[in-house]
Amino acid sequence: MKDLLVFIAKSLVEHPDCVEVTEIVRDDATVLELRVHKDDMGKVIGKQGRIAKAIRSVMKAAAGRENTKAIVDIIDVD
């Protein structure tokens, strides 16, 4: 799932070298922390959060195939 999120994020941003994903596995879910350059936050979130919602939907579907839950947190990097 981590590789899928990296691929999606790098496709959207202008600074693909600043994209980092940290995967934290918990008992009931996997938390994916997506870190992008502060200038790319708008591109990853989108108008009214539509892009972020779409990314979360795709990750939720991918997690469902692995019988787990996925939580995506988007964080900016200075």
C-alpha atoms as a PDB file:
ATOM      1  CA  MET A   1       0.000   0.000   0.000  1.00  0.00           C
ATOM      2  CA  LYS A   2       2.884   2.329   0.735  1.00  0.00           C
ATOM      3  CA  ASP A   3       4.190   2.043  -2.840  1.00  0.00           C
ATOM      4  CA  LEU A   4       0.758   2.837  -4.259  1.00  0.00           C
ATOM      5  CA  LEU A   5       0.472   6.006  -2.178  1.00  0.00           C
ATOM      6  CA  VAL A   6       3.995   7.111  -3.186  1.00  0.00           C
ATOM      7  CA  PHE A   7       3.133   6.583  -6.852  1.00  0.00           C
ATOM      8  CA  ILE A   8      -0.108   8.568  -6.610  1.00  0.00           C
ATOM      9  CA  ALA A   9       1.477  11.426  -4.668  1.00  0.00           C
ATOM     10  CA  LYS A  10       4.522  11.741  -6.938  1.00  0.00           C
ATOM     11  CA  SER A  11       2.196  11.904  -9.951  1.00  0.00           C
ATOM     12  CA  LEU A  12       0.399  14.922  -8.491  1.00  0.00           C
ATOM     13  CA  VAL A  13       3.154  17.146  -7.093  1.00  0.00           C
ATOM     14  CA  GLU A  14       5.827  19.443  -8.543  1.00  0.00           C
ATOM     15  CA  HIS A  15       8.438  18.343  -5.978  1.00  0.00           C
ATOM     16  CA  PRO A  16       8.342  14.511  -6.210  1.00  0.00           C
ATOM     17  CA  ASP A  17      11.678  14.230  -4.412  1.00  0.00           C
ATOM     18  CA  CYS A  18      10.034  15.641  -1.247  1.00  0.00           C
ATOM     19  CA  VAL A  19       7.327  12.949  -1.114  1.00  0.00           C
ATOM     20  CA  GLU A  20       7.724  10.630   1.867  1.00  0.00           C
ATOM     21  CA  VAL A  21       5.361   7.990   3.202  1.00  0.00           C
ATOM     22  CA  THR A  22       5.665   6.505   6.661  1.00  0.00           C
ATOM     23  CA  GLU A  23       3.698   3.343   7.355  1.00  0.00           C
ATOM     24  CA  ILE A  24       2.596   2.663  10.930  1.00  0.00           C
ATOM     25  CA  VAL A  25       0.920  -0.697  11.491  1.00  0.00           C
ATOM     26  CA  ARG A  26      -1.554  -0.916  14.337  1.00  0.00           C
ATOM     27  CA  ASP A  27      -3.765  -3.774  15.468  1.00  0.00           C
ATOM     28  CA  ASP A  28      -6.849  -2.675  13.550  1.00  0.00           C
ATOM     29  CA  ALA A  29      -5.466  -0.366  10.839  1.00  0.00           C
ATOM     30  CA  THR A  30      -2.465   0.879   8.912  1.00  0.00           C
ATOM     31  CA  VAL A  31      -1.708   4.589   9.203  1.00  0.00           C
ATOM     32  CA  LEU A  32       0.035   6.077   6.184  1.00  0.00           C
ATOM     33  CA  GLU A  33       1.588   9.491   6.820  1.00  0.00           C
ATOM     34  CA  LEU A  34       2.054  11.298   3.521  1.00  0.00           C
ATOM     35  CA  ARG A  35       4.560  14.141   3.689  1.00  0.00           C
ATOM     36  CA  VAL A  36       4.764  16.566   0.762  1.00  0.00           C
ATOM     37  CA  HIS A  37       6.429  19.932   0.131  1.00  0.00           C
ATOM     38  CA  LYS A  38       4.408  22.833   1.519  1.00  0.00           C
ATOM     39  CA  ASP A  39       3.970  24.259  -2.007  1.00  0.00           C
ATOM     40  CA  ASP A  40       2.302  21.007  -3.106  1.00  0.00           C
ATOM     41  CA  MET A  41      -0.256  20.800  -0.305  1.00  0.00           C
ATOM     42  CA  GLY A  42      -2.954  22.397  -2.460  1.00  0.00           C
ATOM     43  CA  LYS A  43      -2.402  19.892  -5.251  1.00  0.00           C
ATOM     44  CA  VAL A  44      -2.618  16.919  -2.926  1.00  0.00           C
ATOM     45  CA  ILE A  45      -5.673  18.212  -1.068  1.00  0.00           C
ATOM     46  CA  GLY A  46      -7.515  19.735  -4.030  1.00  0.00           C
ATOM     47  CA  LYS A  47     -10.513  22.052  -4.063  1.00  0.00           C
ATOM     48  CA  GLN A  48     -12.703  21.341  -1.048  1.00  0.00           C
ATOM     49  CA  GLY A  49     -10.553  18.278  -0.329  1.00  0.00           C
ATOM     50  CA  ARG A  50     -11.659  16.313  -3.370  1.00  0.00           C
ATOM     51  CA  ILE A  51      -8.218  14.976  -4.310  1.00  0.00           C
ATOM     52  CA  ALA A  52      -7.462  13.977  -0.706  1.00  0.00           C
ATOM     53  CA  LYS A  53     -10.822  12.215  -0.513  1.00  0.00           C
ATOM     54  CA  ALA A  54     -10.096  10.367  -3.761  1.00  0.00           C
ATOM     55  CA  ILE A  55      -6.659   9.301  -2.500  1.00  0.00           C
ATOM     56  CA  ARG A  56      -8.225   8.024   0.732  1.00  0.00           C
ATOM     57  CA  SER A  57     -10.872   6.110  -1.254  1.00  0.00           C
ATOM     58  CA  VAL A  58      -8.242   4.401  -3.402  1.00  0.00           C
ATOM     59  CA  MET A  59      -6.172   3.501  -0.341  1.00  0.00           C
ATOM     60  CA  LYS A  60      -9.278   2.196   1.439  1.00  0.00           C
ATOM     61  CA  ALA A  61     -10.009  -0.065  -1.538  1.00  0.00           C
ATOM     62  CA  ALA A  62      -6.405  -1.301  -1.620  1.00  0.00           C
ATOM     63  CA  ALA A  63      -6.540  -1.993   2.114  1.00  0.00           C
ATOM     64  CA  GLY A  64      -9.777  -3.889   1.676  1.00  0.00           C
ATOM     65  CA  ARG A  65      -8.018  -6.308  -0.648  1.00  0.00           C
ATOM     66  CA  GLU A  66      -5.574  -7.001   2.206  1.00  0.00           C
ATOM     67  CA  ASN A  67      -8.376  -7.285   4.799  1.00  0.00           C
ATOM     68  CA  THR A  68      -7.233  -4.253   6.781  1.00  0.00           C
ATOM     69  CA  LYS A  69      -8.046  -0.553   7.141  1.00  0.00           C
ATOM     70  CA  ALA A  70      -5.965   2.329   5.852  1.00  0.00           C
ATOM     71  CA  ILE A  71      -5.829   5.829   7.297  1.00  0.00           C
ATOM     72  CA  VAL A  72      -4.050   8.514   5.254  1.00  0.00           C
ATOM     73  CA  ASP A  73      -2.684  11.597   7.041  1.00  0.00           C
ATOM     74  CA  ILE A  74      -1.312  14.397   4.849  1.00  0.00           C
ATOM     75  CA  ILE A  75       1.499  16.476   6.388  1.00  0.00           C
ATOM     76  CA  ASP A  76       3.552  19.311   4.870  1.00  0.00           C
ATOM     77  CA  VAL A  77       7.341  19.388   4.960  1.00  0.00           C
ATOM     78  CA  ASP A  78       9.213  22.669   5.217  1.00  0.00           C
END
